[in-house]
């Protein structure tokens, strides 16, 4: 590792700039008959305008719960959300009422879910569903809303938009349905777009086209994008920065290329070792042993220590703090510099 890049130790500090979304020490509590569970524990993130942040991790790591908390969509009768701070520019989301959330969703923060089929109403035409955003939130006339909806269909590359305007969701392929969902999400020029596994239900070729669309949108807009994914290749394709989650906590964060080329946490290294690499001569993948922990039985200390190849006694005793370990690099591992050194060789 190039030691000239190392700063600290010290508290993790994010890159300078004015973020569109800044969340510090988010916690989500789920009430169950057996007591409270914490699917998200001390999660911090920030995303700037014209930036894409990928939140990466296995199923059950807390990625999707984090995204729903950021949208104010978790049921309040079973979930409680708290944070040291949770701001959308000048808006304090932590104290937002449901009325405030209704005015924010769609207009300032929008979301694209992984299953476009369930995101669209089957009894309304796709054009009407896009146009409704302009009529409901902007008070547009029927004609103006139609024109705006057609522009959005063109923007997400729906061919022959005028002819497809009055078609129903079932008449489109999965990839085209996802483009319609993206058009709805982008209709009101949100400041933040959250995409939760947006290509999971699509075949590889269609995935590539949708990812190209996301890159094009990010380049041409002034919004911040949060991409929720378990797929390293997807994160590598579109993200400027990566946040890695494990058992509800942030364990590593940094610029995409640096994180993927020289990880600072053994969990990130494990994710990379389990992915086929055309440039690597070895043929056998190295899976991470064991399974992610059950929320009701989170291991003591570092939650990853029961699966970690370099775990030592102290890993079971204390929870490692997220610290700055190199320029723009944060890690929650007692042996982050060792991990980075080994990854560099």
C-alpha atoms as a PDB file:
ATOM      1  CA  UNK A   1       0.000   0.000   0.000  1.00  0.00           C
ATOM      2  CA  UNK A   2       1.213   3.508  -0.721  1.00  0.00           C
ATOM      3  CA  UNK A   3       1.645   4.935   2.771  1.00  0.00           C
ATOM      4  CA  UNK A   4       1.714   8.512   1.460  1.00  0.00           C
ATOM      5  CA  UNK A   5      -2.067   8.237   1.047  1.00  0.00           C
ATOM      6  CA  UNK A   6      -2.697   7.206   4.643  1.00  0.00           C
ATOM      7  CA  UNK A   7      -4.127   9.785   7.012  1.00  0.00           C
ATOM      8  CA  UNK A   8      -5.286   9.182  10.549  1.00  0.00           C
ATOM      9  CA  UNK A   9      -6.206   7.268  12.509  1.00  0.00           C
ATOM     10  CA  UNK A  10      -9.235   9.423  13.113  1.00  0.00           C
ATOM     11  CA  UNK A  11     -12.971   9.649  12.698  1.00  0.00           C
ATOM     12  CA  UNK A  12     -14.201   8.925   9.169  1.00  0.00           C
ATOM     13  CA  UNK A  13     -14.738  12.201   7.308  1.00  0.00           C
ATOM     14  CA  UNK A  14     -16.597  12.478   4.044  1.00  0.00           C
ATOM     15  CA  UNK A  15     -15.340  14.336   0.998  1.00  0.00           C
ATOM     16  CA  UNK A  16     -16.021  18.040   1.070  1.00  0.00           C
ATOM     17  CA  UNK A  17     -18.925  19.510  -0.823  1.00  0.00           C
ATOM     18  CA  UNK A  18     -22.570  20.328  -0.293  1.00  0.00           C
ATOM     19  CA  UNK A  19     -24.540  17.064  -0.448  1.00  0.00           C
ATOM     20  CA  UNK A  20     -28.110  16.830  -1.682  1.00  0.00           C
ATOM     21  CA  UNK A  21     -28.710  14.071   0.873  1.00  0.00           C
ATOM     22  CA  UNK A  22     -26.762  13.689   4.111  1.00  0.00           C
ATOM     23  CA  UNK A  23     -27.674  11.006   6.655  1.00  0.00           C
ATOM     24  CA  UNK A  24     -25.646  10.470   9.818  1.00  0.00           C
ATOM     25  CA  UNK A  25     -25.963   7.489  12.176  1.00  0.00           C
ATOM     26  CA  UNK A  26     -29.253   6.112  10.871  1.00  0.00           C
ATOM     27  CA  UNK A  27     -30.880   3.379  12.942  1.00  0.00           C
ATOM     28  CA  UNK A  28     -33.995   1.372  12.085  1.00  0.00           C
ATOM     29  CA  UNK A  29     -35.772  -0.556  14.823  1.00  0.00           C
ATOM     30  CA  UNK A  30     -38.282  -3.307  14.038  1.00  0.00           C
ATOM     31  CA  UNK A  31     -40.713  -4.377  16.737  1.00  0.00           C
ATOM     32  CA  UNK A  32     -41.417  -8.134  16.845  1.00  0.00           C
ATOM     33  CA  UNK A  33     -43.152 -10.503  19.264  1.00  0.00           C
ATOM     34  CA  UNK A  34     -39.715 -11.669  20.387  1.00  0.00           C
ATOM     35  CA  UNK A  35     -38.440  -8.162  20.989  1.00  0.00           C
ATOM     36  CA  UNK A  36     -36.854  -5.411  18.887  1.00  0.00           C
ATOM     37  CA  UNK A  37     -34.552  -6.117  15.938  1.00  0.00           C
ATOM     38  CA  UNK A  38     -32.231  -3.626  14.230  1.00  0.00           C
ATOM     39  CA  UNK A  39     -31.988  -4.203  10.453  1.00  0.00           C
ATOM     40  CA  UNK A  40     -30.000  -0.937  10.127  1.00  0.00           C
ATOM     41  CA  UNK A  41     -27.513   0.100  12.808  1.00  0.00           C
ATOM     42  CA  UNK A  42     -25.470   3.299  12.698  1.00  0.00           C
ATOM     43  CA  UNK A  43     -25.546   3.794   8.908  1.00  0.00           C
ATOM     44  CA  UNK A  44     -24.209   7.055   7.479  1.00  0.00           C
ATOM     45  CA  UNK A  45     -24.203   8.192   3.863  1.00  0.00           C
ATOM     46  CA  UNK A  46     -24.096  11.277   1.735  1.00  0.00           C
ATOM     47  CA  UNK A  47     -24.558  11.838  -1.967  1.00  0.00           C
ATOM     48  CA  UNK A  48     -23.764  14.945  -3.962  1.00  0.00           C
ATOM     49  CA  UNK A  49     -25.369  16.333  -7.109  1.00  0.00           C
ATOM     50  CA  UNK A  50     -24.220  14.564 -10.288  1.00  0.00           C
ATOM     51  CA  UNK A  51     -22.924  11.666  -8.193  1.00  0.00           C
ATOM     52  CA  UNK A  52     -23.911   7.997  -7.985  1.00  0.00           C
ATOM     53  CA  UNK A  53     -23.404   6.159  -4.706  1.00  0.00           C
ATOM     54  CA  UNK A  54     -23.769   2.366  -4.745  1.00  0.00           C
ATOM     55  CA  UNK A  55     -24.768   0.623  -1.516  1.00  0.00           C
ATOM     56  CA  UNK A  56     -23.370  -2.895  -1.834  1.00  0.00           C
ATOM     57  CA  UNK A  57     -23.927  -6.040   0.225  1.00  0.00           C
ATOM     58  CA  UNK A  58     -25.494  -9.477   0.427  1.00  0.00           C
ATOM     59  CA  UNK A  59     -29.212 -10.028   0.938  1.00  0.00           C
ATOM     60  CA  UNK A  60     -30.097  -9.155   4.513  1.00  0.00           C
ATOM     61  CA  UNK A  61     -27.346  -6.568   4.913  1.00  0.00           C
ATOM     62  CA  UNK A  62     -29.845  -3.727   5.355  1.00  0.00           C
ATOM     63  CA  UNK A  63     -29.592  -2.089   1.929  1.00  0.00           C
ATOM     64  CA  UNK A  64     -33.277  -2.102   1.012  1.00  0.00           C
ATOM     65  CA  UNK A  65     -34.434  -1.176   4.533  1.00  0.00           C
ATOM     66  CA  UNK A  66     -32.072   1.796   4.331  1.00  0.00           C
ATOM     67  CA  UNK A  67     -33.614   2.876   1.018  1.00  0.00           C
ATOM     68  CA  UNK A  68     -37.170   2.578   2.389  1.00  0.00           C
ATOM     69  CA  UNK A  69     -36.176   4.608   5.445  1.00  0.00           C
ATOM     70  CA  UNK A  70     -34.779   7.311   3.150  1.00  0.00           C
ATOM     71  CA  UNK A  71     -38.159   7.414   1.371  1.00  0.00           C
ATOM     72  CA  UNK A  72     -40.205   7.414   4.584  1.00  0.00           C
ATOM     73  CA  UNK A  73     -41.916   4.221   3.437  1.00  0.00           C
ATOM     74  CA  UNK A  74     -41.385   1.939   6.449  1.00  0.00           C
ATOM     75  CA  UNK A  75     -44.687   1.178   8.277  1.00  0.00           C
ATOM     76  CA  UNK A  76     -44.740   3.306  11.404  1.00  0.00           C
ATOM     77  CA  UNK A  77     -46.671   0.721  13.438  1.00  0.00           C
ATOM     78  CA  UNK A  78     -43.748  -1.749  13.318  1.00  0.00           C
ATOM     79  CA  UNK A  79     -40.681   0.323  12.401  1.00  0.00           C
ATOM     80  CA  UNK A  80     -39.091   3.337  14.050  1.00  0.00           C
ATOM     81  CA  UNK A  81     -36.404   5.394  12.329  1.00  0.00           C
ATOM     82  CA  UNK A  82     -33.920   7.624  14.110  1.00  0.00           C
ATOM     83  CA  UNK A  83     -30.765   9.445  13.066  1.00  0.00           C
ATOM     84  CA  UNK A  84     -28.326  12.018  14.398  1.00  0.00           C
ATOM     85  CA  UNK A  85     -29.200  13.982  11.261  1.00  0.00           C
ATOM     86  CA  UNK A  86     -31.128  13.195   8.092  1.00  0.00           C
ATOM     87  CA  UNK A  87     -31.251  16.087   5.644  1.00  0.00           C
ATOM     88  CA  UNK A  88     -32.357  16.591   2.076  1.00  0.00           C
ATOM     89  CA  UNK A  89     -30.547  19.864   1.395  1.00  0.00           C
ATOM     90  CA  UNK A  90     -32.328  22.236   3.813  1.00  0.00           C
ATOM     91  CA  UNK A  91     -35.148  19.790   4.688  1.00  0.00           C
ATOM     92  CA  UNK A  92     -34.934  17.917   8.009  1.00  0.00           C
ATOM     93  CA  UNK A  93     -36.278  14.474   7.087  1.00  0.00           C
ATOM     94  CA  UNK A  94     -35.889  13.210  10.639  1.00  0.00           C
ATOM     95  CA  UNK A  95     -38.781  15.352  11.833  1.00  0.00           C
ATOM     96  CA  UNK A  96     -40.877  15.130   8.652  1.00  0.00           C
ATOM     97  CA  UNK A  97     -44.569  14.342   9.122  1.00  0.00           C
ATOM     98  CA  UNK A  98     -46.410  11.999   6.781  1.00  0.00           C
ATOM     99  CA  UNK A  99     -47.914  15.066   5.079  1.00  0.00           C
ATOM    100  CA  UNK A 100     -44.395  16.402   4.446  1.00  0.00           C
ATOM    101  CA  UNK A 101     -43.239  13.009   3.164  1.00  0.00           C
ATOM    102  CA  UNK A 102     -46.125  12.925   0.673  1.00  0.00           C
ATOM    103  CA  UNK A 103     -44.978  16.258  -0.742  1.00  0.00           C
ATOM    104  CA  UNK A 104     -41.345  15.072  -0.919  1.00  0.00           C
ATOM    105  CA  UNK A 105     -41.815  11.607  -2.453  1.00  0.00           C
ATOM    106  CA  UNK A 106     -41.800  11.715  -6.223  1.00  0.00           C
ATOM    107  CA  UNK A 107     -41.001  15.411  -6.400  1.00  0.00           C
ATOM    108  CA  UNK A 108     -37.733  15.650  -4.409  1.00  0.00           C
ATOM    109  CA  UNK A 109     -36.850  11.999  -3.768  1.00  0.00           C
ATOM    110  CA  UNK A 110     -37.953   9.320  -6.206  1.00  0.00           C
ATOM    111  CA  UNK A 111     -37.467   5.568  -6.244  1.00  0.00           C
ATOM    112  CA  UNK A 112     -37.154   2.837  -8.859  1.00  0.00           C
ATOM    113  CA  UNK A 113     -37.945  -0.635  -7.554  1.00  0.00           C
ATOM    114  CA  UNK A 114     -36.549  -3.911  -8.878  1.00  0.00           C
ATOM    115  CA  UNK A 115     -39.836  -5.320 -10.222  1.00  0.00           C
ATOM    116  CA  UNK A 116     -41.336  -2.965 -12.826  1.00  0.00           C
ATOM    117  CA  UNK A 117     -44.376  -5.216 -13.245  1.00  0.00           C
ATOM    118  CA  UNK A 118     -45.520  -4.598  -9.653  1.00  0.00           C
ATOM    119  CA  UNK A 119     -44.603  -0.897  -9.834  1.00  0.00           C
ATOM    120  CA  UNK A 120     -47.089  -0.144 -12.636  1.00  0.00           C
ATOM    121  CA  UNK A 121     -50.882  -0.186 -12.469  1.00  0.00           C
ATOM    122  CA  UNK A 122     -52.066  -2.794 -15.008  1.00  0.00           C
ATOM    123  CA  UNK A 123     -55.400  -1.068 -15.706  1.00  0.00           C
ATOM    124  CA  UNK A 124     -53.961   2.314 -16.773  1.00  0.00           C
ATOM    125  CA  UNK A 125     -51.949   3.085 -19.878  1.00  0.00           C
ATOM    126  CA  UNK A 126     -48.269   3.836 -19.390  1.00  0.00           C
ATOM    127  CA  UNK A 127     -48.718   7.328 -20.795  1.00  0.00           C
ATOM    128  CA  UNK A 128     -51.485   8.109 -18.315  1.00  0.00           C
ATOM    129  CA  UNK A 129     -49.321   6.908 -15.426  1.00  0.00           C
ATOM    130  CA  UNK A 130     -46.475   9.211 -16.398  1.00  0.00           C
ATOM    131  CA  UNK A 131     -48.811  12.115 -17.134  1.00  0.00           C
ATOM    132  CA  UNK A 132     -50.456  11.738 -13.725  1.00  0.00           C
ATOM    133  CA  UNK A 133     -47.222  12.938 -12.093  1.00  0.00           C
ATOM    134  CA  UNK A 134     -47.523  16.286 -13.882  1.00  0.00           C
ATOM    135  CA  UNK A 135     -51.245  16.644 -13.265  1.00  0.00           C
ATOM    136  CA  UNK A 136     -51.078  15.641  -9.585  1.00  0.00           C
ATOM    137  CA  UNK A 137     -47.937  17.516  -8.544  1.00  0.00           C
ATOM    138  CA  UNK A 138     -47.750  20.366 -11.067  1.00  0.00           C
ATOM    139  CA  UNK A 139     -51.416  21.004 -11.803  1.00  0.00           C
ATOM    140  CA  UNK A 140     -50.789  20.569 -15.526  1.00  0.00           C
ATOM    141  CA  UNK A 141     -53.679  20.421 -17.988  1.00  0.00           C
ATOM    142  CA  UNK A 142     -54.391  17.128 -19.694  1.00  0.00           C
ATOM    143  CA  UNK A 143     -52.717  18.308 -22.900  1.00  0.00           C
ATOM    144  CA  UNK A 144     -49.635  19.692 -21.166  1.00  0.00           C
ATOM    145  CA  UNK A 145     -49.308  16.544 -19.070  1.00  0.00           C
ATOM    146  CA  UNK A 146     -49.465  14.401 -22.202  1.00  0.00           C
ATOM    147  CA  UNK A 147     -46.757  16.451 -23.906  1.00  0.00           C
ATOM    148  CA  UNK A 148     -44.543  16.267 -20.815  1.00  0.00           C
ATOM    149  CA  UNK A 149     -45.108  12.497 -20.546  1.00  0.00           C
ATOM    150  CA  UNK A 150     -44.124  12.003 -24.197  1.00  0.00           C
ATOM    151  CA  UNK A 151     -40.933  13.979 -23.576  1.00  0.00           C
ATOM    152  CA  UNK A 152     -40.124  11.686 -20.643  1.00  0.00           C
ATOM    153  CA  UNK A 153     -40.755   8.594 -22.786  1.00  0.00           C
ATOM    154  CA  UNK A 154     -38.325   9.981 -25.354  1.00  0.00           C
ATOM    155  CA  UNK A 155     -35.808  10.755 -22.613  1.00  0.00           C
ATOM    156  CA  UNK A 156     -35.731   7.122 -21.427  1.00  0.00           C
ATOM    157  CA  UNK A 157     -35.508   5.895 -25.017  1.00  0.00           C
ATOM    158  CA  UNK A 158     -38.986   4.394 -25.493  1.00  0.00           C
ATOM    159  CA  UNK A 159     -39.162   3.972 -29.292  1.00  0.00           C
ATOM    160  CA  UNK A 160     -42.123   5.520 -31.103  1.00  0.00           C
ATOM    161  CA  UNK A 161     -43.406   7.109 -27.889  1.00  0.00           C
ATOM    162  CA  UNK A 162     -46.535   8.654 -29.420  1.00  0.00           C
ATOM    163  CA  UNK A 163     -47.718   5.255 -30.609  1.00  0.00           C
ATOM    164  CA  UNK A 164     -46.892   3.586 -27.278  1.00  0.00           C
ATOM    165  CA  UNK A 165     -48.502   6.245 -25.070  1.00  0.00           C
ATOM    166  CA  UNK A 166     -51.872   4.473 -24.888  1.00  0.00           C
ATOM    167  CA  UNK A 167     -50.405   0.983 -24.438  1.00  0.00           C
ATOM    168  CA  UNK A 168     -50.773  -0.977 -21.204  1.00  0.00           C
ATOM    169  CA  UNK A 169     -47.878  -2.310 -19.084  1.00  0.00           C
ATOM    170  CA  UNK A 170     -48.427  -5.934 -20.143  1.00  0.00           C
ATOM    171  CA  UNK A 171     -47.777  -4.926 -23.761  1.00  0.00           C
ATOM    172  CA  UNK A 172     -44.170  -4.001 -22.947  1.00  0.00           C
ATOM    173  CA  UNK A 173     -41.106  -6.157 -22.310  1.00  0.00           C
ATOM    174  CA  UNK A 174     -39.506  -6.162 -18.855  1.00  0.00           C
ATOM    175  CA  UNK A 175     -36.798  -3.762 -19.976  1.00  0.00           C
ATOM    176  CA  UNK A 176     -39.303  -1.343 -21.497  1.00  0.00           C
ATOM    177  CA  UNK A 177     -41.488  -1.513 -18.375  1.00  0.00           C
ATOM    178  CA  UNK A 178     -38.445  -0.575 -16.304  1.00  0.00           C
ATOM    179  CA  UNK A 179     -37.869   2.412 -18.608  1.00  0.00           C
ATOM    180  CA  UNK A 180     -41.448   3.514 -17.965  1.00  0.00           C
ATOM    181  CA  UNK A 181     -40.859   3.236 -14.206  1.00  0.00           C
ATOM    182  CA  UNK A 182     -37.686   5.314 -14.577  1.00  0.00           C
ATOM    183  CA  UNK A 183     -39.640   7.905 -16.601  1.00  0.00           C
ATOM    184  CA  UNK A 184     -42.188   8.192 -13.775  1.00  0.00           C
ATOM    185  CA  UNK A 185     -39.403   8.545 -11.196  1.00  0.00           C
ATOM    186  CA  UNK A 186     -37.647  11.271 -13.205  1.00  0.00           C
ATOM    187  CA  UNK A 187     -40.780  13.155 -14.245  1.00  0.00           C
ATOM    188  CA  UNK A 188     -40.539  15.871 -11.579  1.00  0.00           C
ATOM    189  CA  UNK A 189     -36.741  16.292 -11.706  1.00  0.00           C
ATOM    190  CA  UNK A 190     -36.044  14.897  -8.209  1.00  0.00           C
ATOM    191  CA  UNK A 191     -32.961  15.921  -6.298  1.00  0.00           C
ATOM    192  CA  UNK A 192     -32.303  12.298  -5.316  1.00  0.00           C
ATOM    193  CA  UNK A 193     -33.088   9.102  -7.216  1.00  0.00           C
ATOM    194  CA  UNK A 194     -32.946   5.792  -5.327  1.00  0.00           C
ATOM    195  CA  UNK A 195     -32.744   2.672  -7.499  1.00  0.00           C
ATOM    196  CA  UNK A 196     -33.249  -0.570  -5.564  1.00  0.00           C
ATOM    197  CA  UNK A 197     -31.796  -3.487  -7.569  1.00  0.00           C
ATOM    198  CA  UNK A 198     -33.212  -1.958 -10.789  1.00  0.00           C
ATOM    199  CA  UNK A 199     -31.773  -4.626 -13.118  1.00  0.00           C
ATOM    200  CA  UNK A 200     -32.210  -7.806 -11.041  1.00  0.00           C
ATOM    201  CA  UNK A 201     -35.323  -9.001 -12.875  1.00  0.00           C
ATOM    202  CA  UNK A 202     -33.818  -8.389 -16.343  1.00  0.00           C
ATOM    203  CA  UNK A 203     -31.635 -10.521 -18.575  1.00  0.00           C
ATOM    204  CA  UNK A 204     -27.985  -9.593 -19.032  1.00  0.00           C
ATOM    205  CA  UNK A 205     -28.395  -7.760 -22.342  1.00  0.00           C
ATOM    206  CA  UNK A 206     -31.307  -5.678 -21.070  1.00  0.00           C
ATOM    207  CA  UNK A 207     -29.418  -5.018 -17.821  1.00  0.00           C
ATOM    208  CA  UNK A 208     -26.581  -3.462 -19.807  1.00  0.00           C
ATOM    209  CA  UNK A 209     -28.988  -1.153 -21.656  1.00  0.00           C
ATOM    210  CA  UNK A 210     -30.677  -0.029 -18.437  1.00  0.00           C
ATOM    211  CA  UNK A 211     -27.301   0.630 -16.807  1.00  0.00           C
ATOM    212  CA  UNK A 212     -26.269   2.678 -19.843  1.00  0.00           C
ATOM    213  CA  UNK A 213     -29.479   4.655 -19.394  1.00  0.00           C
ATOM    214  CA  UNK A 214     -28.679   5.309 -15.730  1.00  0.00           C
ATOM    215  CA  UNK A 215     -25.195   6.543 -16.667  1.00  0.00           C
ATOM    216  CA  UNK A 216     -26.689   8.842 -19.300  1.00  0.00           C
ATOM    217  CA  UNK A 217     -29.262  10.197 -16.844  1.00  0.00           C
ATOM    218  CA  UNK A 218     -26.625  10.803 -14.171  1.00  0.00           C
ATOM    219  CA  UNK A 219     -24.452  12.672 -16.659  1.00  0.00           C
ATOM    220  CA  UNK A 220     -27.249  14.899 -17.926  1.00  0.00           C
ATOM    221  CA  UNK A 221     -28.981  15.696 -14.629  1.00  0.00           C
ATOM    222  CA  UNK A 222     -28.083  17.535 -11.452  1.00  0.00           C
ATOM    223  CA  UNK A 223     -29.447  14.934  -9.039  1.00  0.00           C
ATOM    224  CA  UNK A 224     -27.729  12.510  -6.711  1.00  0.00           C
ATOM    225  CA  UNK A 225     -28.340   8.811  -7.339  1.00  0.00           C
ATOM    226  CA  UNK A 226     -28.267   5.979  -4.801  1.00  0.00           C
ATOM    227  CA  UNK A 227     -27.988   2.523  -6.336  1.00  0.00           C
ATOM    228  CA  UNK A 228     -28.878  -0.424  -4.095  1.00  0.00           C
ATOM    229  CA  UNK A 229     -27.246  -3.613  -5.379  1.00  0.00           C
ATOM    230  CA  UNK A 230     -25.657  -6.936  -4.453  1.00  0.00           C
ATOM    231  CA  UNK A 231     -23.894  -7.057  -7.825  1.00  0.00           C
ATOM    232  CA  UNK A 232     -20.318  -5.759  -7.840  1.00  0.00           C
ATOM    233  CA  UNK A 233     -20.291  -5.529 -11.641  1.00  0.00           C
ATOM    234  CA  UNK A 234     -23.339  -3.240 -11.576  1.00  0.00           C
ATOM    235  CA  UNK A 235     -21.729  -1.008  -8.951  1.00  0.00           C
ATOM    236  CA  UNK A 236     -18.486  -0.904 -10.929  1.00  0.00           C
ATOM    237  CA  UNK A 237     -20.356   0.135 -14.078  1.00  0.00           C
ATOM    238  CA  UNK A 238     -22.260   3.159 -12.776  1.00  0.00           C
ATOM    239  CA  UNK A 239     -21.095   4.222  -9.303  1.00  0.00           C
ATOM    240  CA  UNK A 240     -18.680   7.012  -8.376  1.00  0.00           C
ATOM    241  CA  UNK A 241     -18.469   5.782  -4.796  1.00  0.00           C
ATOM    242  CA  UNK A 242     -19.341   2.557  -2.991  1.00  0.00           C
ATOM    243  CA  UNK A 243     -20.670   2.015   0.523  1.00  0.00           C
ATOM    244  CA  UNK A 244     -20.456  -1.597   1.694  1.00  0.00           C
ATOM    245  CA  UNK A 245     -22.997  -2.802   4.280  1.00  0.00           C
ATOM    246  CA  UNK A 246     -22.887  -5.886   6.474  1.00  0.00           C
ATOM    247  CA  UNK A 247     -25.437  -6.877   9.139  1.00  0.00           C
ATOM    248  CA  UNK A 248     -27.001  -3.420   9.051  1.00  0.00           C
ATOM    249  CA  UNK A 249     -23.760  -1.464   9.434  1.00  0.00           C
ATOM    250  CA  UNK A 250     -21.520   0.467   7.072  1.00  0.00           C
ATOM    251  CA  UNK A 251     -18.182  -1.369   6.969  1.00  0.00           C
ATOM    252  CA  UNK A 252     -16.381   0.382   4.108  1.00  0.00           C
ATOM    253  CA  UNK A 253     -16.784   3.461   1.920  1.00  0.00           C
ATOM    254  CA  UNK A 254     -14.714   5.099  -0.788  1.00  0.00           C
ATOM    255  CA  UNK A 255     -14.293   5.846  -4.496  1.00  0.00           C
ATOM    256  CA  UNK A 256     -15.417   2.892  -6.608  1.00  0.00           C
ATOM    257  CA  UNK A 257     -12.135   2.107  -8.307  1.00  0.00           C
ATOM    258  CA  UNK A 258     -10.160   2.284  -5.073  1.00  0.00           C
ATOM    259  CA  UNK A 259     -12.601   0.104  -3.136  1.00  0.00           C
ATOM    260  CA  UNK A 260     -12.664  -2.566  -5.842  1.00  0.00           C
ATOM    261  CA  UNK A 261      -8.924  -2.543  -6.550  1.00  0.00           C
ATOM    262  CA  UNK A 262      -7.715  -2.292  -2.952  1.00  0.00           C
ATOM    263  CA  UNK A 263     -10.483  -3.084  -0.434  1.00  0.00           C
ATOM    264  CA  UNK A 264     -10.003  -1.991   3.177  1.00  0.00           C
ATOM    265  CA  UNK A 265     -12.346  -4.518   4.805  1.00  0.00           C
ATOM    266  CA  UNK A 266     -12.202  -8.344   4.676  1.00  0.00           C
ATOM    267  CA  UNK A 267     -15.905  -8.507   3.842  1.00  0.00           C
ATOM    268  CA  UNK A 268     -15.378  -6.388   0.721  1.00  0.00           C
ATOM    269  CA  UNK A 269     -12.401  -8.587  -0.176  1.00  0.00           C
ATOM    270  CA  UNK A 270     -14.617 -11.649   0.281  1.00  0.00           C
ATOM    271  CA  UNK A 271     -17.266 -10.246  -2.064  1.00  0.00           C
ATOM    272  CA  UNK A 272     -14.596  -9.624  -4.694  1.00  0.00           C
ATOM    273  CA  UNK A 273     -13.057 -13.100  -4.292  1.00  0.00           C
ATOM    274  CA  UNK A 274     -16.466 -14.677  -4.912  1.00  0.00           C
ATOM    275  CA  UNK A 275     -16.928 -12.958  -8.283  1.00  0.00           C
ATOM    276  CA  UNK A 276     -15.561 -14.405 -11.568  1.00  0.00           C
ATOM    277  CA  UNK A 277     -12.763 -12.251 -12.981  1.00  0.00           C
ATOM    278  CA  UNK A 278     -11.757 -12.662 -16.610  1.00  0.00           C
ATOM    279  CA  UNK A 279      -8.324 -11.157 -15.920  1.00  0.00           C
ATOM    280  CA  UNK A 280      -7.584 -13.570 -13.078  1.00  0.00           C
ATOM    281  CA  UNK A 281      -5.889 -16.849 -13.993  1.00  0.00           C
ATOM    282  CA  UNK A 282      -7.417 -18.829 -11.140  1.00  0.00           C
ATOM    283  CA  UNK A 283     -10.565 -20.742 -12.030  1.00  0.00           C
ATOM    284  CA  UNK A 284     -11.920 -21.543  -8.549  1.00  0.00           C
ATOM    285  CA  UNK A 285     -13.926 -18.858  -6.802  1.00  0.00           C
ATOM    286  CA  UNK A 286     -13.427 -18.313  -3.089  1.00  0.00           C
ATOM    287  CA  UNK A 287     -16.835 -18.108  -1.371  1.00  0.00           C
ATOM    288  CA  UNK A 288     -17.322 -16.352   1.944  1.00  0.00           C
ATOM    289  CA  UNK A 289     -17.804 -19.111   4.488  1.00  0.00           C
ATOM    290  CA  UNK A 290     -21.059 -19.315   6.385  1.00  0.00           C
ATOM    291  CA  UNK A 291     -24.101 -17.083   5.965  1.00  0.00           C
ATOM    292  CA  UNK A 292     -25.043 -13.542   6.950  1.00  0.00           C
ATOM    293  CA  UNK A 293     -26.198 -13.450  10.594  1.00  0.00           C
ATOM    294  CA  UNK A 294     -29.811 -13.610  11.671  1.00  0.00           C
ATOM    295  CA  UNK A 295     -30.987 -10.215  12.933  1.00  0.00           C
ATOM    296  CA  UNK A 296     -31.959 -11.797  16.249  1.00  0.00           C
ATOM    297  CA  UNK A 297     -28.477 -13.270  16.745  1.00  0.00           C
ATOM    298  CA  UNK A 298     -25.944 -10.663  15.610  1.00  0.00           C
ATOM    299  CA  UNK A 299     -22.455 -11.810  16.710  1.00  0.00           C
ATOM    300  CA  UNK A 300     -20.706  -9.793  19.384  1.00  0.00           C
ATOM    301  CA  UNK A 301     -17.981  -7.351  18.411  1.00  0.00           C
ATOM    302  CA  UNK A 302     -17.488  -7.137  14.653  1.00  0.00           C
ATOM    303  CA  UNK A 303     -20.493  -8.926  13.173  1.00  0.00           C
ATOM    304  CA  UNK A 304     -18.307 -10.344  10.384  1.00  0.00           C
ATOM    305  CA  UNK A 305     -15.748 -11.995  12.682  1.00  0.00           C
ATOM    306  CA  UNK A 306     -17.446 -15.427  12.554  1.00  0.00           C
ATOM    307  CA  UNK A 307     -16.873 -15.525   8.772  1.00  0.00           C
ATOM    308  CA  UNK A 308     -13.659 -13.508   8.559  1.00  0.00           C
ATOM    309  CA  UNK A 309     -10.412 -15.244   7.497  1.00  0.00           C
ATOM    310  CA  UNK A 310      -8.221 -12.843   9.520  1.00  0.00           C
ATOM    311  CA  UNK A 311     -10.375 -12.541  12.667  1.00  0.00           C
ATOM    312  CA  UNK A 312      -8.551 -12.355  15.995  1.00  0.00           C
ATOM    313  CA  UNK A 313      -9.649 -12.353  19.616  1.00  0.00           C
ATOM    314  CA  UNK A 314     -10.289  -8.601  19.762  1.00  0.00           C
ATOM    315  CA  UNK A 315     -12.716  -8.859  16.812  1.00  0.00           C
ATOM    316  CA  UNK A 316     -15.259 -10.662  19.028  1.00  0.00           C
ATOM    317  CA  UNK A 317     -14.849  -8.202  21.892  1.00  0.00           C
ATOM    318  CA  UNK A 318     -15.345  -4.729  20.414  1.00  0.00           C
ATOM    319  CA  UNK A 319     -17.242  -3.154  17.538  1.00  0.00           C
ATOM    320  CA  UNK A 320     -14.697  -1.478  15.218  1.00  0.00           C
ATOM    321  CA  UNK A 321     -15.458   2.169  14.568  1.00  0.00           C
ATOM    322  CA  UNK A 322     -15.676   3.478  11.014  1.00  0.00           C
ATOM    323  CA  UNK A 323     -12.393   5.377  10.615  1.00  0.00           C
ATOM    324  CA  UNK A 324     -10.494   7.193   7.895  1.00  0.00           C
ATOM    325  CA  UNK A 325      -7.751   4.753   6.806  1.00  0.00           C
ATOM    326  CA  UNK A 326      -6.537   6.418   3.590  1.00  0.00           C
ATOM    327  CA  UNK A 327      -7.429   9.417   1.444  1.00  0.00           C
ATOM    328  CA  UNK A 328     -11.216   9.258   0.885  1.00  0.00           C
ATOM    329  CA  UNK A 329     -11.281   5.739   2.368  1.00  0.00           C
ATOM    330  CA  UNK A 330     -13.217   4.665   5.462  1.00  0.00           C
ATOM    331  CA  UNK A 331     -13.242   1.197   7.046  1.00  0.00           C
ATOM    332  CA  UNK A 332     -14.712  -0.449  10.141  1.00  0.00           C
ATOM    333  CA  UNK A 333     -11.978  -3.035  10.625  1.00  0.00           C
ATOM    334  CA  UNK A 334      -9.253  -3.231  13.282  1.00  0.00           C
ATOM    335  CA  UNK A 335      -6.873  -4.497  10.600  1.00  0.00           C
ATOM    336  CA  UNK A 336      -7.856  -2.322   7.644  1.00  0.00           C
ATOM    337  CA  UNK A 337      -4.290  -1.409   6.687  1.00  0.00           C
ATOM    338  CA  UNK A 338      -3.316  -5.090   6.692  1.00  0.00           C
ATOM    339  CA  UNK A 339      -6.246  -5.862   4.378  1.00  0.00           C
ATOM    340  CA  UNK A 340      -5.242  -3.047   2.025  1.00  0.00           C
ATOM    341  CA  UNK A 341      -1.593  -4.136   2.016  1.00  0.00           C
ATOM    342  CA  UNK A 342      -2.517  -7.732   1.170  1.00  0.00           C
ATOM    343  CA  UNK A 343      -4.914  -6.564  -1.559  1.00  0.00           C
ATOM    344  CA  UNK A 344      -2.139  -4.518  -3.176  1.00  0.00           C
ATOM    345  CA  UNK A 345       0.051  -7.615  -3.643  1.00  0.00           C
END
